[in-house]
Amino acid sequence: MRTDIPTVPILGVRVAKLTEQAALGEVKRLFEGQQEAVVVYANAHSLNVACANPAYRRVLADAALVLNDGSGLAIAARLRGDVFPANLNGTDFTPKVLREAADRGAAVYLLGGEPGIAETAADKLTAAIPGLKIVGTQHGFSPDVEAVVGRIRASGAEVLVVAMGNPAQELWLDRYLTATGARLGIAVGAFLDFTAGKVERAPAWMRRAGVEWLYRLAREPRRLFQRYVVGNPLFLGRVLAERFGLRRNT
């Protein structure tokens, strides 16, 4: 990430401190640049994972843009005496990135989710975003990674949207983005599941209140118990420990 982008350091990761408009400005700069670039979203869960996974932490450190996702990051910033001007979560911000791609005529490829999810998401996205050109889709469970990379390259995609969960999606982009020929890779978590309708989003009032995670936990308690019930207090404990210098990102 450019050194002149304002950031909030959280558990060793520099998270961009941007308004939505400024973040879109950075995305436009990445579209216009000559270098490949990866955009990622950081939330409490992903930073917990980064604390235990040095390779993943390195990928976050090397990303062209790390955006704040969720109330956990907002709390962490406040504990540092700082504030994020917007919640730039992947489900709301990624469509804006895709609108920019549509405006530029940039070809997009969707990778991830269970079989059929990416195709359904593609249909809904092209209906919602005029001019969006999705040139291919692929579920996230193919054992033949080289074949997947080859199909993406053959499609001529310039933007690669990867939805495999943390840290798999970021590590995948770090390893294979160059080989795909795409110039911009975006790690988007559950974005394709939400878009396809496989997972229902929380009501708007819960999203505004920063408690969408409670809705998701209620819908999938067994799968998300570790992430939220265990993970959220662990994240806040780590942030407090970092804030008062008790330990370093462990």
Protein backbone atom coordinates (compact mmCIF):
# COMPACT_ATOMS: atom_id res chain seq x y z
CA MET A 1 0.00 0.00 0.00
CA ARG A 2 1.29 3.46 -0.83
CA THR A 3 3.00 5.11 2.11
CA ASP A 4 1.00 8.32 1.68
CA ILE A 5 -2.36 6.58 2.25
CA PRO A 6 -3.52 7.32 5.81
CA THR A 7 -3.78 4.13 7.82
CA VAL A 8 -4.66 2.73 11.23
CA PRO A 9 -2.22 0.00 12.34
CA ILE A 10 -4.10 -2.91 13.88
CA LEU A 11 -2.29 -6.07 15.04
CA GLY A 12 0.60 -5.32 12.75
CA VAL A 13 -1.51 -4.63 9.64
CA ARG A 14 -1.84 -1.15 8.11
CA VAL A 15 -5.54 -0.67 7.32
CA ALA A 16 -6.43 2.23 5.04
CA LYS A 17 -8.26 5.09 6.72
CA LEU A 18 -10.36 6.39 3.83
CA THR A 19 -13.79 7.71 3.01
CA GLU A 20 -15.71 5.67 0.47
CA GLN A 21 -14.95 8.29 -2.20
CA ALA A 22 -11.25 8.29 -1.39
CA ALA A 23 -11.18 4.48 -1.48
CA LEU A 24 -12.81 4.55 -4.90
CA GLY A 25 -10.17 7.03 -5.96
CA GLU A 26 -7.49 4.54 -4.92
CA VAL A 27 -9.25 1.79 -6.87
CA LYS A 28 -9.27 4.02 -9.96
CA ARG A 29 -5.55 4.59 -9.50
CA LEU A 30 -5.00 0.83 -9.39
CA PHE A 31 -6.98 0.39 -12.61
CA GLU A 32 -4.78 2.98 -14.28
CA GLY A 33 -1.50 1.63 -12.93
CA GLN A 34 0.88 -0.65 -14.76
CA GLN A 35 1.45 -3.10 -11.90
CA GLU A 36 -0.70 -5.96 -10.72
CA ALA A 37 -2.55 -5.13 -7.53
CA VAL A 38 -4.49 -6.96 -4.83
CA VAL A 39 -7.32 -5.40 -2.81
CA VAL A 40 -8.31 -7.08 0.47
CA TYR A 41 -10.77 -6.47 3.28
CA ALA A 42 -9.62 -6.77 6.90
CA ASN A 43 -12.02 -7.69 9.68
CA ALA A 44 -11.68 -9.08 13.20
CA HIS A 45 -11.60 -12.67 11.96
CA SER A 46 -9.01 -12.09 9.24
CA LEU A 47 -6.69 -10.24 11.62
CA ASN A 48 -7.04 -13.05 14.15
CA VAL A 49 -5.99 -15.44 11.40
CA ALA A 50 -3.07 -13.18 10.46
CA CYS A 51 -1.79 -13.31 14.03
CA ALA A 52 -1.32 -17.07 13.68
CA ASN A 53 -0.34 -17.20 10.01
CA PRO A 54 2.82 -15.28 9.03
CA ALA A 55 2.36 -15.97 5.31
CA TYR A 56 -1.11 -14.48 5.41
CA ARG A 57 0.10 -11.47 7.38
CA ARG A 58 2.76 -10.87 4.73
CA VAL A 59 0.12 -10.94 1.98
CA LEU A 60 -1.93 -8.35 3.87
CA ALA A 61 1.18 -6.22 4.31
CA ASP A 62 1.95 -6.46 0.57
CA ALA A 63 -1.60 -5.73 -0.65
CA ALA A 64 -2.12 -2.57 -2.67
CA LEU A 65 -5.15 -1.66 -0.58
CA VAL A 66 -6.39 -3.02 2.78
CA LEU A 67 -9.92 -1.81 3.59
CA ASN A 68 -11.68 -1.91 6.97
CA ASP A 69 -14.62 -4.30 7.21
CA GLY A 70 -16.96 -4.35 10.17
CA SER A 71 -17.52 -3.12 13.68
CA GLY A 72 -14.51 -4.94 15.15
CA LEU A 73 -12.14 -2.73 13.17
CA ALA A 74 -14.12 0.37 14.17
CA ILE A 75 -13.76 -0.55 17.84
CA ALA A 76 -10.05 -1.28 17.40
CA ALA A 77 -9.51 2.15 15.83
CA ARG A 78 -11.36 3.89 18.67
CA LEU A 79 -9.23 2.07 21.22
CA ARG A 80 -6.24 3.64 19.47
CA GLY A 81 -7.84 7.09 19.63
CA ASP A 82 -8.61 7.00 15.91
CA VAL A 83 -11.64 6.46 13.68
CA PHE A 84 -12.41 4.99 10.27
CA PRO A 85 -14.55 7.44 8.28
CA ALA A 86 -16.55 4.63 6.64
CA ASN A 87 -17.21 0.90 6.95
CA LEU A 88 -15.77 -0.37 3.66
CA ASN A 89 -17.00 -3.95 3.89
CA GLY A 90 -16.67 -6.24 0.91
CA THR A 91 -20.35 -6.86 0.31
CA ASP A 92 -21.17 -3.16 -0.06
CA PHE A 93 -17.93 -1.85 -1.56
CA THR A 94 -17.15 -4.58 -4.11
CA PRO A 95 -20.14 -3.67 -6.34
CA LYS A 96 -18.72 -0.15 -6.54
CA VAL A 97 -15.40 -1.59 -7.73
CA LEU A 98 -17.30 -3.60 -10.34
CA ARG A 99 -19.16 -0.48 -11.49
CA GLU A 100 -15.76 1.11 -12.06
CA ALA A 101 -14.74 -1.96 -14.05
CA ALA A 102 -17.93 -1.66 -16.13
CA ASP A 103 -17.29 2.02 -16.79
CA ARG A 104 -13.83 1.13 -18.07
CA GLY A 105 -14.96 -1.89 -20.08
CA ALA A 106 -12.68 -4.12 -18.00
CA ALA A 107 -13.43 -7.85 -18.20
CA VAL A 108 -14.21 -9.57 -14.87
CA TYR A 109 -13.87 -13.21 -13.77
CA LEU A 110 -15.61 -14.64 -10.68
CA LEU A 111 -13.86 -17.45 -8.80
CA GLY A 112 -15.20 -19.09 -5.65
CA GLY A 113 -18.20 -20.43 -3.80
CA GLU A 114 -19.92 -23.76 -4.22
CA PRO A 115 -20.82 -25.00 -7.73
CA GLY A 116 -23.41 -22.72 -9.30
CA ILE A 117 -22.89 -19.79 -6.91
CA ALA A 118 -20.54 -17.80 -9.13
CA GLU A 119 -22.83 -18.28 -12.14
CA THR A 120 -25.88 -17.08 -10.22
CA ALA A 121 -23.93 -14.13 -8.82
CA ALA A 122 -22.75 -13.26 -12.34
CA ASP A 123 -26.33 -13.15 -13.62
CA LYS A 124 -27.42 -10.88 -10.77
CA LEU A 125 -24.41 -8.59 -11.06
CA THR A 126 -24.76 -8.11 -14.82
CA ALA A 127 -28.45 -7.32 -14.33
CA ALA A 128 -27.64 -4.75 -11.63
CA ILE A 129 -24.56 -3.10 -13.17
CA PRO A 130 -25.04 -1.81 -16.73
CA GLY A 131 -22.14 -2.66 -19.00
CA LEU A 132 -20.48 -5.12 -16.61
CA LYS A 133 -18.60 -7.72 -18.66
CA ILE A 134 -18.16 -11.01 -16.80
CA VAL A 135 -16.11 -13.30 -19.03
CA GLY A 136 -16.06 -16.41 -16.86
CA THR A 137 -16.98 -18.09 -13.60
CA GLN A 138 -15.56 -20.99 -11.64
CA HIS A 139 -16.48 -22.56 -8.31
CA GLY A 140 -13.83 -22.60 -5.61
CA PHE A 141 -13.38 -26.36 -5.18
CA SER A 142 -11.56 -27.47 -8.32
CA PRO A 143 -8.55 -29.69 -7.51
CA ASP A 144 -6.84 -28.68 -10.77
CA VAL A 145 -5.59 -25.20 -9.94
CA GLU A 146 -3.42 -24.96 -13.06
CA ALA A 147 -6.45 -25.63 -15.26
CA VAL A 148 -8.41 -22.92 -13.44
CA VAL A 149 -5.55 -20.47 -13.89
CA GLY A 150 -5.40 -21.36 -17.58
CA ARG A 151 -9.12 -20.73 -18.06
CA ILE A 152 -8.89 -17.37 -16.37
CA ARG A 153 -5.93 -16.40 -18.54
CA ALA A 154 -7.71 -17.55 -21.70
CA SER A 155 -10.78 -15.48 -20.80
CA GLY A 156 -8.81 -12.25 -21.00
CA ALA A 157 -10.03 -11.16 -17.57
CA GLU A 158 -8.53 -7.97 -16.23
CA VAL A 159 -10.25 -8.12 -12.83
CA LEU A 160 -10.32 -11.34 -10.80
CA VAL A 161 -12.81 -11.60 -7.91
CA VAL A 162 -11.89 -14.45 -5.55
CA ALA A 163 -14.26 -15.72 -2.85
CA MET A 164 -12.67 -18.58 -0.91
CA GLY A 165 -12.62 -17.27 2.66
CA ASN A 166 -9.63 -16.15 4.73
CA PRO A 167 -6.81 -16.84 4.28
CA ALA A 168 -7.24 -19.08 1.22
CA GLN A 169 -8.43 -16.33 -1.14
CA GLU A 170 -5.60 -13.91 -0.34
CA LEU A 171 -2.96 -16.64 -0.50
CA TRP A 172 -4.42 -17.80 -3.83
CA LEU A 173 -4.16 -14.31 -5.30
CA ASP A 174 -0.65 -13.89 -3.97
CA ARG A 175 0.46 -17.08 -5.68
CA TYR A 176 -1.52 -17.09 -8.92
CA LEU A 177 -2.63 -13.55 -9.89
CA THR A 178 0.37 -13.04 -12.17
CA ALA A 179 -0.23 -16.34 -13.94
CA THR A 180 -3.91 -15.51 -14.59
CA GLY A 181 -2.98 -12.39 -16.56
CA ALA A 182 -5.46 -10.29 -14.55
CA ARG A 183 -4.19 -6.94 -13.30
CA LEU A 184 -6.49 -6.43 -10.32
CA GLY A 185 -7.35 -9.15 -7.82
CA ILE A 186 -10.02 -8.64 -5.15
CA ALA A 187 -10.47 -11.00 -2.18
CA VAL A 188 -14.15 -10.78 -1.30
CA GLY A 189 -15.11 -13.42 1.30
CA ALA A 190 -18.85 -14.22 1.25
CA PHE A 191 -19.68 -11.61 -1.40
CA LEU A 192 -20.66 -14.18 -4.05
CA ASP A 193 -22.81 -16.11 -1.55
CA PHE A 194 -24.62 -12.91 -0.56
CA THR A 195 -25.06 -11.82 -4.18
CA ALA A 196 -26.34 -15.21 -5.31
CA GLY A 197 -28.81 -15.32 -2.42
CA LYS A 198 -27.27 -18.39 -0.78
CA VAL A 199 -26.68 -16.37 2.40
CA GLU A 200 -29.17 -13.72 3.48
CA ARG A 201 -27.87 -10.39 4.72
CA ALA A 202 -28.95 -8.90 8.00
CA PRO A 203 -31.67 -6.23 8.01
CA ALA A 204 -30.42 -2.74 7.21
CA TRP A 205 -30.83 -1.54 10.80
CA MET A 206 -28.52 -4.29 12.06
CA ARG A 207 -25.93 -3.39 9.44
CA ARG A 208 -26.12 0.28 10.43
CA ALA A 209 -25.74 -0.66 14.10
CA GLY A 210 -22.66 -2.76 13.35
CA VAL A 211 -24.18 -6.04 14.57
CA GLU A 212 -24.60 -7.90 11.29
CA TRP A 213 -22.37 -10.58 12.79
CA LEU A 214 -25.10 -11.38 15.35
CA TYR A 215 -27.55 -12.07 12.54
CA ARG A 216 -25.09 -14.33 10.75
CA LEU A 217 -24.31 -16.15 14.00
CA ALA A 218 -28.02 -16.75 14.63
CA ARG A 219 -28.41 -18.19 11.12
CA GLU A 220 -25.31 -20.41 11.21
CA PRO A 221 -24.41 -20.93 14.88
CA ARG A 222 -22.37 -24.12 14.49
CA ARG A 223 -20.25 -22.84 11.63
CA LEU A 224 -19.69 -19.33 12.99
CA PHE A 225 -19.45 -19.97 16.76
CA GLN A 226 -15.65 -20.11 16.73
CA ARG A 227 -15.33 -17.05 14.51
CA TYR A 228 -17.61 -14.77 16.49
CA VAL A 229 -18.21 -16.05 20.02
CA VAL A 230 -14.58 -17.03 20.53
CA GLY A 231 -12.92 -14.86 17.90
CA ASN A 232 -14.42 -11.45 18.68
CA PRO A 233 -13.31 -11.36 22.36
CA LEU A 234 -9.93 -12.77 21.31
CA PHE A 235 -9.53 -9.98 18.76
CA LEU A 236 -10.44 -7.26 21.28
CA GLY A 237 -8.07 -8.78 23.82
CA ARG A 238 -5.27 -8.71 21.28
CA VAL A 239 -6.04 -5.11 20.35
CA LEU A 240 -6.02 -4.05 24.01
CA ALA A 241 -2.77 -5.91 24.61
CA GLU A 242 -1.24 -4.16 21.60
CA ARG A 243 -2.61 -0.80 22.69
CA PHE A 244 -1.00 -1.05 26.13
CA GLY A 245 2.19 -2.69 24.93
CA LEU A 246 1.64 -6.01 26.67
CA ARG A 247 2.54 -8.15 23.69
CA ARG A 248 3.18 -7.95 19.95
CA ASN A 249 0.58 -9.38 17.55
CA THR A 250 0.47 -12.92 18.91
